[in-house]
Amino acid sequence: MAGILLITPAEDNPLPALDFLGHQISRVDFDPAKLAAAPRHDLTFLDCRHQLSGAKSVAKILEAAGWQTPLVLVIGEGSLAAINQDWGLTDFLLEGASIGEVDTRIRLALSAQRQQQSGGVDTGLSIDESSFTAKINGRTLDLTFKEFELLRHLNDNPNRVFSREQLLSEVWGYDYFGGTRTVDVHVRRLRAKLGEHESLIGTVRNVGYRLDPQGNASE
């Protein structure tokens, strides 16, 4: 599941379908200080329904700050004419969009982001977060839940190096009392299940692990 930041000055949810998709949703208003302190997330929804000029100012702030997550605007049909590429948007949704449309737009935005981060390299790896399944070149991987979550997390951040401590806290959670050896065990199992594609998960000596779209040798 994805971490979603909903930027809205309104008390109501412009996309009620979000509540049924199981994503982790954080809400902030248009206050720049709150935006700067926003929790880690994978996708940003910007509510443009009631304060169009204010929403565009927020979009400009995000662009100036080098905001890295895909930006999806939520807008009323009557304001569509005001939307253009100057907003720096990835996509848009009409308020009250159906659960199927919201789910599809989220998956497409995240997929495009991962492809961009990997430099356009096709790793052969596909992950379906809705069914908790992963495939490599069409072959379904028989993964436990934690193996899936670890692979998903690495795949969401291609080429980013994670220490064992980071992976333990971000995949297992801060309340997990096991040691970092757990990470090594799960990486070893993942590599075994990836088979000839095991080099997708690289080891950075004395640091940790990363997903390497090029499948280069470990450092």
N, C-alpha and C. Protein backbone atom coordinates (compact mmCIF):
# COMPACT_ATOMS: atom_id res chain seq x y z
N MET A 1 0.83 -1.19 0.00
CA MET A 1 0.00 0.00 0.00
C MET A 1 0.87 1.25 0.00
N ALA A 2 0.34 2.32 -0.53
CA ALA A 2 1.12 3.55 -0.68
C ALA A 2 0.84 4.51 0.47
N GLY A 3 1.80 5.39 0.70
CA GLY A 3 1.60 6.50 1.61
C GLY A 3 1.11 7.69 0.80
N ILE A 4 -0.05 8.23 1.14
CA ILE A 4 -0.66 9.32 0.37
C ILE A 4 -0.79 10.56 1.23
N LEU A 5 -0.32 11.69 0.70
CA LEU A 5 -0.48 12.98 1.37
C LEU A 5 -1.62 13.72 0.68
N LEU A 6 -2.65 14.04 1.44
CA LEU A 6 -3.79 14.80 0.92
C LEU A 6 -3.68 16.23 1.42
N ILE A 7 -3.47 17.17 0.50
CA ILE A 7 -3.35 18.59 0.86
C ILE A 7 -4.69 19.24 0.59
N THR A 8 -5.38 19.61 1.64
CA THR A 8 -6.72 20.17 1.49
C THR A 8 -7.04 21.11 2.64
N PRO A 9 -7.68 22.26 2.33
CA PRO A 9 -8.13 23.16 3.40
C PRO A 9 -9.52 22.80 3.90
N ALA A 10 -10.15 21.82 3.26
CA ALA A 10 -11.54 21.46 3.59
C ALA A 10 -11.58 20.35 4.63
N GLU A 11 -12.70 20.26 5.32
CA GLU A 11 -12.87 19.20 6.31
C GLU A 11 -13.35 17.90 5.68
N ASP A 12 -14.03 18.00 4.53
CA ASP A 12 -14.52 16.79 3.88
C ASP A 12 -13.43 16.19 3.00
N ASN A 13 -13.60 14.95 2.64
CA ASN A 13 -12.64 14.24 1.79
C ASN A 13 -13.09 14.37 0.34
N PRO A 14 -12.26 14.98 -0.52
CA PRO A 14 -12.68 15.13 -1.92
C PRO A 14 -12.72 13.81 -2.68
N LEU A 15 -12.10 12.78 -2.13
CA LEU A 15 -12.09 11.45 -2.76
C LEU A 15 -12.47 10.40 -1.72
N PRO A 16 -13.76 10.24 -1.42
CA PRO A 16 -14.19 9.25 -0.42
C PRO A 16 -13.68 7.84 -0.72
N ALA A 17 -13.43 7.55 -2.00
CA ALA A 17 -12.96 6.21 -2.37
C ALA A 17 -11.62 5.87 -1.73
N LEU A 18 -10.84 6.91 -1.40
CA LEU A 18 -9.54 6.67 -0.77
C LEU A 18 -9.67 5.88 0.52
N ASP A 19 -10.75 6.10 1.23
CA ASP A 19 -10.94 5.45 2.53
C ASP A 19 -11.11 3.94 2.41
N PHE A 20 -11.39 3.46 1.20
CA PHE A 20 -11.66 2.03 1.01
C PHE A 20 -10.51 1.27 0.36
N LEU A 21 -9.43 1.99 0.02
CA LEU A 21 -8.34 1.35 -0.71
C LEU A 21 -7.19 0.89 0.18
N GLY A 22 -7.24 1.22 1.46
CA GLY A 22 -6.26 0.70 2.40
C GLY A 22 -4.93 1.43 2.43
N HIS A 23 -4.82 2.57 1.74
CA HIS A 23 -3.56 3.31 1.77
C HIS A 23 -3.43 4.09 3.09
N GLN A 24 -2.20 4.45 3.41
CA GLN A 24 -1.95 5.25 4.60
C GLN A 24 -2.08 6.72 4.22
N ILE A 25 -3.09 7.39 4.73
CA ILE A 25 -3.40 8.76 4.31
C ILE A 25 -3.07 9.75 5.41
N SER A 26 -2.32 10.80 5.04
CA SER A 26 -2.02 11.92 5.94
C SER A 26 -2.62 13.18 5.33
N ARG A 27 -3.17 14.04 6.18
CA ARG A 27 -3.80 15.27 5.69
C ARG A 27 -3.10 16.48 6.26
N VAL A 28 -2.86 17.48 5.39
CA VAL A 28 -2.35 18.78 5.83
C VAL A 28 -3.12 19.85 5.06
N ASP A 29 -3.14 21.08 5.60
CA ASP A 29 -3.79 22.15 4.87
C ASP A 29 -2.77 22.92 4.03
N PHE A 30 -3.13 24.11 3.59
CA PHE A 30 -2.28 24.85 2.67
C PHE A 30 -1.14 25.60 3.38
N ASP A 31 -1.00 25.45 4.66
CA ASP A 31 0.04 26.14 5.43
C ASP A 31 1.42 25.63 5.00
N PRO A 32 2.30 26.51 4.47
CA PRO A 32 3.63 26.07 4.02
C PRO A 32 4.44 25.37 5.11
N ALA A 33 4.29 25.81 6.36
CA ALA A 33 5.03 25.19 7.46
C ALA A 33 4.60 23.74 7.65
N LYS A 34 3.31 23.48 7.51
CA LYS A 34 2.81 22.11 7.65
C LYS A 34 3.23 21.25 6.46
N LEU A 35 3.31 21.87 5.29
CA LEU A 35 3.77 21.12 4.12
C LEU A 35 5.21 20.67 4.31
N ALA A 36 6.03 21.57 4.87
CA ALA A 36 7.44 21.24 5.08
C ALA A 36 7.61 20.11 6.07
N ALA A 37 6.66 19.99 7.01
CA ALA A 37 6.75 18.95 8.04
C ALA A 37 5.92 17.72 7.71
N ALA A 38 5.47 17.61 6.46
CA ALA A 38 4.61 16.49 6.06
C ALA A 38 5.35 15.17 6.21
N PRO A 39 4.66 14.12 6.62
CA PRO A 39 5.30 12.81 6.77
C PRO A 39 5.70 12.22 5.42
N ARG A 40 6.56 11.22 5.46
CA ARG A 40 7.00 10.56 4.24
C ARG A 40 5.79 9.97 3.50
N HIS A 41 5.78 10.12 2.18
CA HIS A 41 4.66 9.64 1.40
C HIS A 41 5.13 9.31 -0.02
N ASP A 42 4.28 8.62 -0.78
CA ASP A 42 4.61 8.19 -2.14
C ASP A 42 3.88 8.98 -3.21
N LEU A 43 2.77 9.62 -2.82
CA LEU A 43 1.90 10.27 -3.79
C LEU A 43 1.19 11.44 -3.11
N THR A 44 1.04 12.55 -3.85
CA THR A 44 0.40 13.74 -3.29
C THR A 44 -0.89 14.04 -4.04
N PHE A 45 -1.98 14.20 -3.29
CA PHE A 45 -3.24 14.69 -3.85
C PHE A 45 -3.44 16.13 -3.38
N LEU A 46 -3.70 17.03 -4.32
CA LEU A 46 -3.92 18.43 -4.00
C LEU A 46 -5.37 18.80 -4.31
N ASP A 47 -6.11 19.21 -3.28
CA ASP A 47 -7.52 19.56 -3.39
C ASP A 47 -7.66 20.96 -3.98
N CYS A 48 -8.18 21.04 -5.21
CA CYS A 48 -8.33 22.33 -5.90
C CYS A 48 -9.78 22.76 -6.02
N ARG A 49 -10.67 22.15 -5.28
CA ARG A 49 -12.10 22.36 -5.50
C ARG A 49 -12.58 23.75 -5.12
N HIS A 50 -12.15 24.27 -3.97
CA HIS A 50 -12.75 25.48 -3.42
C HIS A 50 -11.82 26.69 -3.47
N GLN A 51 -10.52 26.46 -3.42
CA GLN A 51 -9.55 27.57 -3.41
C GLN A 51 -8.56 27.35 -4.55
N LEU A 52 -8.99 27.62 -5.77
CA LEU A 52 -8.19 27.32 -6.95
C LEU A 52 -6.88 28.09 -6.95
N SER A 53 -6.94 29.39 -6.66
CA SER A 53 -5.71 30.18 -6.66
C SER A 53 -4.78 29.75 -5.53
N GLY A 54 -5.36 29.45 -4.38
CA GLY A 54 -4.54 28.96 -3.26
C GLY A 54 -3.90 27.63 -3.57
N ALA A 55 -4.65 26.75 -4.25
CA ALA A 55 -4.10 25.45 -4.62
C ALA A 55 -2.96 25.60 -5.62
N LYS A 56 -3.09 26.55 -6.55
CA LYS A 56 -2.01 26.75 -7.52
C LYS A 56 -0.76 27.29 -6.83
N SER A 57 -0.95 28.13 -5.82
CA SER A 57 0.20 28.63 -5.06
C SER A 57 0.90 27.48 -4.35
N VAL A 58 0.12 26.54 -3.81
CA VAL A 58 0.70 25.36 -3.16
C VAL A 58 1.49 24.54 -4.18
N ALA A 59 0.92 24.38 -5.37
CA ALA A 59 1.61 23.62 -6.42
C ALA A 59 2.94 24.27 -6.78
N LYS A 60 2.97 25.58 -6.80
CA LYS A 60 4.22 26.30 -7.10
C LYS A 60 5.24 26.12 -5.98
N ILE A 61 4.76 26.11 -4.75
CA ILE A 61 5.65 25.87 -3.61
C ILE A 61 6.27 24.48 -3.70
N LEU A 62 5.45 23.49 -4.03
CA LEU A 62 5.94 22.12 -4.16
C LEU A 62 6.99 22.02 -5.26
N GLU A 63 6.72 22.71 -6.38
CA GLU A 63 7.67 22.66 -7.49
C GLU A 63 8.99 23.34 -7.11
N ALA A 64 8.90 24.50 -6.44
CA ALA A 64 10.11 25.22 -6.04
C ALA A 64 10.92 24.44 -5.02
N ALA A 65 10.22 23.63 -4.21
CA ALA A 65 10.90 22.84 -3.17
C ALA A 65 11.47 21.54 -3.72
N GLY A 66 11.28 21.29 -5.02
CA GLY A 66 11.77 20.05 -5.62
C GLY A 66 11.02 18.83 -5.16
N TRP A 67 9.72 18.99 -4.97
CA TRP A 67 8.86 17.89 -4.52
C TRP A 67 9.01 16.70 -5.45
N GLN A 68 9.32 15.53 -4.91
CA GLN A 68 9.66 14.38 -5.74
C GLN A 68 8.49 13.44 -6.02
N THR A 69 7.43 13.50 -5.21
CA THR A 69 6.34 12.54 -5.39
C THR A 69 5.37 13.01 -6.48
N PRO A 70 4.71 12.08 -7.18
CA PRO A 70 3.73 12.48 -8.19
C PRO A 70 2.64 13.35 -7.59
N LEU A 71 2.20 14.35 -8.35
CA LEU A 71 1.18 15.29 -7.89
C LEU A 71 -0.09 15.07 -8.70
N VAL A 72 -1.18 14.71 -8.01
CA VAL A 72 -2.47 14.50 -8.64
C VAL A 72 -3.43 15.56 -8.11
N LEU A 73 -4.02 16.33 -9.01
CA LEU A 73 -4.98 17.37 -8.62
C LEU A 73 -6.38 16.77 -8.51
N VAL A 74 -7.11 17.21 -7.50
CA VAL A 74 -8.52 16.83 -7.35
C VAL A 74 -9.34 18.09 -7.59
N ILE A 75 -10.20 18.07 -8.59
CA ILE A 75 -10.81 19.31 -9.04
C ILE A 75 -12.27 19.09 -9.43
N GLY A 76 -13.05 20.17 -9.34
CA GLY A 76 -14.42 20.13 -9.82
C GLY A 76 -14.45 20.30 -11.33
N GLU A 77 -15.45 19.75 -11.99
CA GLU A 77 -15.51 19.78 -13.45
C GLU A 77 -15.53 21.20 -13.99
N GLY A 78 -16.14 22.12 -13.24
CA GLY A 78 -16.24 23.51 -13.70
C GLY A 78 -14.93 24.26 -13.74
N SER A 79 -13.90 23.71 -13.11
CA SER A 79 -12.60 24.40 -13.06
C SER A 79 -11.55 23.76 -13.97
N LEU A 80 -11.95 22.80 -14.78
CA LEU A 80 -10.98 22.08 -15.61
C LEU A 80 -10.22 23.01 -16.55
N ALA A 81 -10.88 24.07 -17.03
CA ALA A 81 -10.23 24.97 -17.98
C ALA A 81 -9.01 25.68 -17.39
N ALA A 82 -8.93 25.73 -16.06
CA ALA A 82 -7.82 26.42 -15.40
C ALA A 82 -6.59 25.54 -15.22
N ILE A 83 -6.71 24.27 -15.56
CA ILE A 83 -5.62 23.33 -15.33
C ILE A 83 -4.75 23.19 -16.57
N ASN A 84 -3.44 23.36 -16.38
CA ASN A 84 -2.48 23.15 -17.46
C ASN A 84 -1.16 22.66 -16.85
N GLN A 85 -0.14 22.50 -17.68
CA GLN A 85 1.13 21.95 -17.21
C GLN A 85 1.88 22.90 -16.28
N ASP A 86 1.46 24.16 -16.21
CA ASP A 86 2.10 25.09 -15.28
C ASP A 86 1.94 24.64 -13.83
N TRP A 87 0.99 23.79 -13.58
CA TRP A 87 0.76 23.29 -12.23
C TRP A 87 1.81 22.25 -11.83
N GLY A 88 2.52 21.71 -12.80
CA GLY A 88 3.49 20.66 -12.48
C GLY A 88 2.84 19.36 -12.08
N LEU A 89 1.65 19.11 -12.59
CA LEU A 89 0.88 17.93 -12.19
C LEU A 89 1.32 16.68 -12.93
N THR A 90 1.06 15.55 -12.30
CA THR A 90 1.23 14.25 -12.94
C THR A 90 -0.08 13.80 -13.57
N ASP A 91 -1.19 14.09 -12.88
CA ASP A 91 -2.51 13.65 -13.34
C ASP A 91 -3.55 14.46 -12.59
N PHE A 92 -4.83 14.26 -12.92
CA PHE A 92 -5.90 14.89 -12.17
C PHE A 92 -7.07 13.93 -12.06
N LEU A 93 -7.91 14.18 -11.06
CA LEU A 93 -9.13 13.42 -10.83
C LEU A 93 -10.26 14.39 -10.53
N LEU A 94 -11.45 14.07 -11.00
CA LEU A 94 -12.62 14.84 -10.61
C LEU A 94 -13.06 14.42 -9.23
N GLU A 95 -13.54 15.39 -8.45
CA GLU A 95 -13.98 15.08 -7.09
C GLU A 95 -15.05 13.98 -7.11
N GLY A 96 -14.98 13.12 -6.12
CA GLY A 96 -15.95 12.04 -6.02
C GLY A 96 -15.72 10.91 -7.01
N ALA A 97 -14.52 10.82 -7.59
CA ALA A 97 -14.23 9.76 -8.57
C ALA A 97 -14.46 8.39 -7.94
N SER A 98 -14.80 7.42 -8.78
CA SER A 98 -15.11 6.07 -8.30
C SER A 98 -13.88 5.38 -7.74
N ILE A 99 -14.10 4.35 -6.96
CA ILE A 99 -13.00 3.63 -6.35
C ILE A 99 -12.11 2.98 -7.41
N GLY A 100 -12.71 2.49 -8.50
CA GLY A 100 -11.92 1.89 -9.56
C GLY A 100 -11.02 2.89 -10.24
N GLU A 101 -11.53 4.10 -10.50
CA GLU A 101 -10.73 5.12 -11.17
C GLU A 101 -9.61 5.62 -10.26
N VAL A 102 -9.92 5.85 -9.00
CA VAL A 102 -8.90 6.32 -8.07
C VAL A 102 -7.78 5.29 -7.94
N ASP A 103 -8.16 4.03 -7.81
CA ASP A 103 -7.16 2.97 -7.68
C ASP A 103 -6.27 2.90 -8.91
N THR A 104 -6.88 3.00 -10.09
CA THR A 104 -6.11 2.93 -11.34
C THR A 104 -5.15 4.10 -11.47
N ARG A 105 -5.62 5.32 -11.17
CA ARG A 105 -4.76 6.50 -11.29
C ARG A 105 -3.59 6.42 -10.31
N ILE A 106 -3.84 5.91 -9.12
CA ILE A 106 -2.76 5.76 -8.15
C ILE A 106 -1.71 4.79 -8.67
N ARG A 107 -2.16 3.63 -9.16
CA ARG A 107 -1.21 2.62 -9.64
C ARG A 107 -0.41 3.13 -10.83
N LEU A 108 -1.05 3.84 -11.75
CA LEU A 108 -0.34 4.35 -12.92
C LEU A 108 0.67 5.42 -12.54
N ALA A 109 0.29 6.31 -11.61
CA ALA A 109 1.20 7.37 -11.19
C ALA A 109 2.43 6.80 -10.49
N LEU A 110 2.22 5.82 -9.63
CA LEU A 110 3.34 5.21 -8.91
C LEU A 110 4.22 4.41 -9.85
N SER A 111 3.61 3.72 -10.81
CA SER A 111 4.38 2.94 -11.77
C SER A 111 5.24 3.84 -12.63
N ALA A 112 4.68 4.97 -13.08
CA ALA A 112 5.45 5.91 -13.90
C ALA A 112 6.60 6.50 -13.11
N GLN A 113 6.35 6.77 -11.83
CA GLN A 113 7.40 7.31 -10.98
C GLN A 113 8.55 6.32 -10.82
N ARG A 114 8.23 5.06 -10.61
CA ARG A 114 9.27 4.04 -10.45
C ARG A 114 10.08 3.89 -11.73
N GLN A 115 9.38 3.94 -12.88
CA GLN A 115 10.07 3.81 -14.16
C GLN A 115 11.03 4.98 -14.38
N GLN A 116 10.58 6.17 -13.99
CA GLN A 116 11.42 7.36 -14.14
C GLN A 116 12.64 7.27 -13.24
N GLN A 117 12.44 6.83 -12.00
CA GLN A 117 13.55 6.74 -11.06
C GLN A 117 14.57 5.70 -11.48
N SER A 118 14.13 4.68 -12.18
CA SER A 118 15.05 3.63 -12.61
C SER A 118 15.71 3.94 -13.94
N GLY A 119 15.48 5.17 -14.42
CA GLY A 119 16.11 5.57 -15.67
C GLY A 119 15.52 4.90 -16.89
N GLY A 120 14.28 4.43 -16.76
CA GLY A 120 13.62 3.81 -17.89
C GLY A 120 14.03 2.37 -18.12
N VAL A 121 14.79 1.78 -17.21
CA VAL A 121 15.24 0.41 -17.38
C VAL A 121 14.13 -0.55 -16.99
N ASP A 122 13.84 -1.51 -17.86
CA ASP A 122 12.82 -2.52 -17.56
C ASP A 122 13.48 -3.67 -16.82
N THR A 123 13.18 -3.81 -15.54
CA THR A 123 13.80 -4.86 -14.74
C THR A 123 13.11 -6.20 -14.91
N GLY A 124 11.93 -6.20 -15.53
CA GLY A 124 11.16 -7.43 -15.63
C GLY A 124 10.35 -7.71 -14.38
N LEU A 125 10.51 -6.84 -13.37
CA LEU A 125 9.82 -7.04 -12.10
C LEU A 125 8.53 -6.23 -12.09
N SER A 126 7.42 -6.89 -11.76
CA SER A 126 6.14 -6.19 -11.63
C SER A 126 5.53 -6.55 -10.29
N ILE A 127 4.97 -5.54 -9.64
CA ILE A 127 4.40 -5.71 -8.31
C ILE A 127 2.97 -5.22 -8.31
N ASP A 128 2.05 -6.05 -7.88
CA ASP A 128 0.64 -5.70 -7.77
C ASP A 128 0.31 -5.56 -6.29
N GLU A 129 0.22 -4.30 -5.84
CA GLU A 129 -0.01 -4.05 -4.42
C GLU A 129 -1.41 -4.43 -3.97
N SER A 130 -2.35 -4.46 -4.92
CA SER A 130 -3.73 -4.79 -4.54
C SER A 130 -3.90 -6.27 -4.19
N SER A 131 -3.08 -7.12 -4.82
CA SER A 131 -3.19 -8.56 -4.57
C SER A 131 -1.97 -9.14 -3.85
N PHE A 132 -1.02 -8.24 -3.51
CA PHE A 132 0.20 -8.67 -2.81
C PHE A 132 0.93 -9.76 -3.58
N THR A 133 1.04 -9.55 -4.89
CA THR A 133 1.77 -10.51 -5.71
C THR A 133 2.88 -9.79 -6.48
N ALA A 134 3.95 -10.52 -6.77
CA ALA A 134 5.06 -9.99 -7.54
C ALA A 134 5.44 -11.01 -8.60
N LYS A 135 5.85 -10.51 -9.78
CA LYS A 135 6.28 -11.37 -10.88
C LYS A 135 7.61 -10.87 -11.41
N ILE A 136 8.42 -11.79 -11.90
CA ILE A 136 9.65 -11.46 -12.59
C ILE A 136 9.58 -12.10 -13.97
N ASN A 137 9.54 -11.24 -15.00
CA ASN A 137 9.38 -11.72 -16.38
C ASN A 137 8.20 -12.67 -16.53
N GLY A 138 7.09 -12.33 -15.86
CA GLY A 138 5.87 -13.11 -15.97
C GLY A 138 5.76 -14.27 -15.01
N ARG A 139 6.85 -14.61 -14.33
CA ARG A 139 6.82 -15.73 -13.37
C ARG A 139 6.43 -15.22 -12.00
N THR A 140 5.36 -15.77 -11.42
CA THR A 140 4.91 -15.35 -10.11
C THR A 140 5.87 -15.83 -9.03
N LEU A 141 6.25 -14.92 -8.14
CA LEU A 141 7.15 -15.25 -7.05
C LEU A 141 6.35 -15.68 -5.83
N ASP A 142 6.74 -16.77 -5.23
CA ASP A 142 6.05 -17.29 -4.04
C ASP A 142 6.67 -16.62 -2.81
N LEU A 143 6.08 -15.50 -2.40
CA LEU A 143 6.65 -14.68 -1.33
C LEU A 143 5.78 -14.69 -0.08
N THR A 144 6.43 -14.61 1.07
CA THR A 144 5.71 -14.35 2.31
C THR A 144 5.34 -12.87 2.32
N PHE A 145 4.50 -12.47 3.25
CA PHE A 145 4.07 -11.07 3.32
C PHE A 145 5.26 -10.14 3.52
N LYS A 146 6.17 -10.47 4.42
CA LYS A 146 7.32 -9.60 4.69
C LYS A 146 8.30 -9.59 3.53
N GLU A 147 8.44 -10.72 2.85
CA GLU A 147 9.30 -10.73 1.66
C GLU A 147 8.71 -9.81 0.59
N PHE A 148 7.38 -9.87 0.43
CA PHE A 148 6.72 -8.99 -0.53
C PHE A 148 6.92 -7.52 -0.15
N GLU A 149 6.71 -7.20 1.12
CA GLU A 149 6.84 -5.82 1.58
C GLU A 149 8.27 -5.31 1.40
N LEU A 150 9.25 -6.16 1.67
CA LEU A 150 10.65 -5.76 1.50
C LEU A 150 10.95 -5.50 0.03
N LEU A 151 10.51 -6.40 -0.85
CA LEU A 151 10.74 -6.23 -2.28
C LEU A 151 10.02 -4.99 -2.80
N ARG A 152 8.79 -4.79 -2.35
CA ARG A 152 8.03 -3.60 -2.77
C ARG A 152 8.75 -2.33 -2.34
N HIS A 153 9.24 -2.29 -1.12
CA HIS A 153 9.89 -1.09 -0.60
C HIS A 153 11.16 -0.79 -1.39
N LEU A 154 11.95 -1.81 -1.67
CA LEU A 154 13.17 -1.60 -2.46
C LEU A 154 12.82 -1.17 -3.89
N ASN A 155 11.78 -1.78 -4.45
CA ASN A 155 11.38 -1.45 -5.82
C ASN A 155 10.82 -0.04 -5.93
N ASP A 156 10.19 0.44 -4.85
CA ASP A 156 9.65 1.80 -4.85
C ASP A 156 10.76 2.85 -4.80
N ASN A 157 11.96 2.43 -4.44
CA ASN A 157 13.08 3.36 -4.27
C ASN A 157 14.32 2.84 -4.99
N PRO A 158 14.24 2.65 -6.31
CA PRO A 158 15.37 2.04 -7.03
C PRO A 158 16.64 2.85 -6.88
N ASN A 159 17.75 2.14 -6.70
CA ASN A 159 19.09 2.70 -6.55
C ASN A 159 19.33 3.41 -5.22
N ARG A 160 18.31 3.52 -4.39
CA ARG A 160 18.52 4.11 -3.07
C ARG A 160 19.09 3.04 -2.13
N VAL A 161 20.16 3.39 -1.44
CA VAL A 161 20.79 2.46 -0.52
C VAL A 161 20.13 2.58 0.86
N PHE A 162 19.70 1.44 1.40
CA PHE A 162 19.10 1.40 2.72
C PHE A 162 20.02 0.63 3.66
N SER A 163 20.22 1.18 4.84
CA SER A 163 20.92 0.40 5.86
C SER A 163 19.97 -0.66 6.39
N ARG A 164 20.52 -1.65 7.07
CA ARG A 164 19.67 -2.69 7.66
C ARG A 164 18.72 -2.09 8.69
N GLU A 165 19.22 -1.11 9.43
CA GLU A 165 18.38 -0.45 10.44
C GLU A 165 17.20 0.28 9.79
N GLN A 166 17.47 0.95 8.66
CA GLN A 166 16.39 1.65 7.97
C GLN A 166 15.33 0.68 7.47
N LEU A 167 15.77 -0.41 6.87
CA LEU A 167 14.82 -1.40 6.36
C LEU A 167 14.02 -2.02 7.50
N LEU A 168 14.68 -2.25 8.62
CA LEU A 168 13.99 -2.84 9.76
C LEU A 168 12.89 -1.92 10.25
N SER A 169 13.16 -0.63 10.32
CA SER A 169 12.16 0.31 10.84
C SER A 169 11.07 0.61 9.81
N GLU A 170 11.44 0.68 8.51
CA GLU A 170 10.48 1.09 7.49
C GLU A 170 9.64 -0.06 6.96
N VAL A 171 10.15 -1.29 7.04
CA VAL A 171 9.39 -2.44 6.56
C VAL A 171 8.76 -3.21 7.71
N TRP A 172 9.53 -3.45 8.77
CA TRP A 172 9.01 -4.20 9.92
C TRP A 172 8.33 -3.29 10.93
N GLY A 173 8.74 -2.03 11.01
CA GLY A 173 8.12 -1.10 11.94
C GLY A 173 8.95 -0.90 13.19
N TYR A 174 8.77 0.26 13.80
CA TYR A 174 9.55 0.63 14.97
C TYR A 174 9.28 -0.27 16.17
N ASP A 175 8.14 -0.93 16.18
CA ASP A 175 7.79 -1.77 17.34
C ASP A 175 8.31 -3.19 17.19
N TYR A 176 9.09 -3.46 16.13
CA TYR A 176 9.64 -4.80 15.94
C TYR A 176 10.90 -4.95 16.77
N PHE A 177 10.99 -6.04 17.52
CA PHE A 177 12.09 -6.19 18.46
C PHE A 177 13.20 -7.12 17.95
N GLY A 178 13.05 -7.65 16.75
CA GLY A 178 14.09 -8.51 16.20
C GLY A 178 15.32 -7.72 15.79
N GLY A 179 16.42 -8.39 15.54
CA GLY A 179 17.64 -7.73 15.15
C GLY A 179 17.75 -7.57 13.64
N THR A 180 18.81 -6.86 13.22
CA THR A 180 19.01 -6.59 11.80
C THR A 180 19.32 -7.86 11.01
N ARG A 181 19.69 -8.92 11.71
CA ARG A 181 19.92 -10.20 11.03
C ARG A 181 18.67 -10.64 10.26
N THR A 182 17.50 -10.23 10.74
CA THR A 182 16.23 -10.56 10.07
C THR A 182 16.25 -10.03 8.63
N VAL A 183 16.80 -8.83 8.44
CA VAL A 183 16.86 -8.25 7.10
C VAL A 183 17.73 -9.11 6.20
N ASP A 184 18.90 -9.53 6.69
CA ASP A 184 19.80 -10.37 5.89
C ASP A 184 19.13 -11.67 5.47
N VAL A 185 18.40 -12.27 6.39
CA VAL A 185 17.72 -13.54 6.10
C VAL A 185 16.68 -13.34 5.00
N HIS A 186 15.90 -12.28 5.09
CA HIS A 186 14.86 -12.04 4.10
C HIS A 186 15.45 -11.69 2.74
N VAL A 187 16.55 -10.93 2.73
CA VAL A 187 17.21 -10.62 1.46
C VAL A 187 17.72 -11.90 0.82
N ARG A 188 18.32 -12.78 1.61
CA ARG A 188 18.83 -14.04 1.07
C ARG A 188 17.70 -14.87 0.46
N ARG A 189 16.55 -14.92 1.15
CA ARG A 189 15.42 -15.68 0.63
C ARG A 189 14.87 -15.05 -0.64
N LEU A 190 14.81 -13.71 -0.67
CA LEU A 190 14.32 -13.03 -1.87
C LEU A 190 15.21 -13.33 -3.07
N ARG A 191 16.51 -13.26 -2.85
CA ARG A 191 17.45 -13.53 -3.95
C ARG A 191 17.27 -14.96 -4.47
N ALA A 192 17.07 -15.88 -3.56
CA ALA A 192 16.87 -17.27 -3.98
C ALA A 192 15.62 -17.40 -4.83
N LYS A 193 14.57 -16.68 -4.48
CA LYS A 193 13.31 -16.77 -5.22
C LYS A 193 13.38 -16.00 -6.55
N LEU A 194 14.25 -14.98 -6.61
CA LEU A 194 14.44 -14.26 -7.86
C LEU A 194 15.25 -15.09 -8.85
N GLY A 195 15.98 -16.08 -8.35
CA GLY A 195 16.74 -16.97 -9.22
C GLY A 195 17.81 -16.25 -10.01
N GLU A 196 17.76 -16.37 -11.32
CA GLU A 196 18.79 -15.76 -12.17
C GLU A 196 18.77 -14.24 -12.13
N HIS A 197 17.73 -13.66 -11.52
CA HIS A 197 17.63 -12.21 -11.39
C HIS A 197 18.02 -11.74 -9.99
N GLU A 198 18.72 -12.57 -9.23
CA GLU A 198 19.04 -12.24 -7.85
C GLU A 198 19.88 -10.97 -7.74
N SER A 199 20.62 -10.63 -8.80
CA SER A 199 21.48 -9.44 -8.74
C SER A 199 20.68 -8.14 -8.74
N LEU A 200 19.35 -8.22 -8.91
CA LEU A 200 18.53 -7.01 -8.77
C LEU A 200 18.68 -6.40 -7.39
N ILE A 201 18.87 -7.25 -6.38
CA ILE A 201 19.07 -6.75 -5.03
C ILE A 201 20.57 -6.74 -4.76
N GLY A 202 21.14 -5.56 -4.76
CA GLY A 202 22.58 -5.42 -4.58
C GLY A 202 22.96 -5.17 -3.13
N THR A 203 24.15 -5.60 -2.77
CA THR A 203 24.71 -5.34 -1.45
C THR A 203 25.72 -4.22 -1.57
N VAL A 204 25.57 -3.19 -0.75
CA VAL A 204 26.56 -2.12 -0.67
C VAL A 204 27.37 -2.37 0.59
N ARG A 205 28.61 -2.75 0.41
CA ARG A 205 29.44 -3.24 1.50
C ARG A 205 29.50 -2.23 2.66
N ASN A 206 29.31 -2.75 3.86
CA ASN A 206 29.35 -1.98 5.10
C ASN A 206 28.22 -0.96 5.24
N VAL A 207 27.24 -1.02 4.32
CA VAL A 207 26.11 -0.09 4.40
C VAL A 207 24.79 -0.84 4.47
N GLY A 208 24.43 -1.53 3.37
CA GLY A 208 23.15 -2.22 3.37
C GLY A 208 22.80 -2.74 2.00
N TYR A 209 21.55 -2.48 1.56
CA TYR A 209 21.05 -3.06 0.32
C TYR A 209 20.36 -2.00 -0.53
N ARG A 210 20.27 -2.31 -1.81
CA ARG A 210 19.52 -1.46 -2.74
C ARG A 210 18.96 -2.34 -3.86
N LEU A 211 17.91 -1.86 -4.52
CA LEU A 211 17.43 -2.52 -5.72
C LEU A 211 18.11 -1.84 -6.90
N ASP A 212 18.88 -2.60 -7.65
CA ASP A 212 19.66 -2.09 -8.76
C ASP A 212 18.99 -2.50 -10.07
N PRO A 213 18.29 -1.57 -10.76
CA PRO A 213 17.60 -1.93 -12.00
C PRO A 213 18.53 -2.50 -13.07
N GLN A 214 19.82 -2.13 -13.00
CA GLN A 214 20.77 -2.63 -13.98
C GLN A 214 21.24 -4.04 -13.66
N GLY A 215 20.98 -4.49 -12.42
CA GLY A 215 21.42 -5.81 -12.02
C GLY A 215 22.93 -5.95 -11.97
N ASN A 216 23.61 -4.87 -11.58
CA ASN A 216 25.07 -4.89 -11.51
C ASN A 216 25.54 -5.70 -10.31
N ALA A 217 26.78 -6.06 -10.28
CA ALA A 217 27.35 -6.81 -9.18
C ALA A 217 27.35 -5.98 -7.91
N SER A 218 27.35 -6.66 -6.79
CA SER A 218 27.38 -5.96 -5.50
C SER A 218 28.68 -5.21 -5.34
N GLU A 219 28.61 -4.14 -4.57
CA GLU A 219 29.81 -3.31 -4.34
C GLU A 219 30.58 -3.83 -3.13
